[in-house]
Amino acid sequence: LTAARLRKLGWGYRSESVVKLVRFVSDNGGMSYLEKLREDDTLTARARLKALPGVGDKVADCVLLYGLARFDVVPIDTHAWQLAKRFYLKSLAPDASLQAQYDEAARAFRERLGEWC
């Protein structure tokens, strides 16, 4: 698997990250690394996902929600962020870090939507 091959297949700027991701998983147990995520609690699984090359908060939360049926996470994309700012985050400190903003937006949705988030 090479980034050049992936670019030819249309993966674009993500090609390098995908190659790094595949190598990381392969070097760390392959499928057993990924299967362990099912056994981990949500916070541990999220941290293990974020340790993967190219995986940040939103992608980790998408994998947790859609791939592992972890209904206690809320992926915050640009649309969810706009809703959170408009309706839920009126008191968020303007100098809060991006991580703090993401975490607070996700918390606000979980708090208001409960088991439906």
Foldseek 3Di string as FASTA:
>chain_A
DALVVVVVVPPPPCSVLVVQQQVVCVVVPNVVLVVVLLVDDLVVSLVSQCVGRPDDDQNSLCCCCVVNVPQLWDRDDPVLLVVCCVPPPVPPDPPDDPVVSRVRSRVRCCVVVPSND
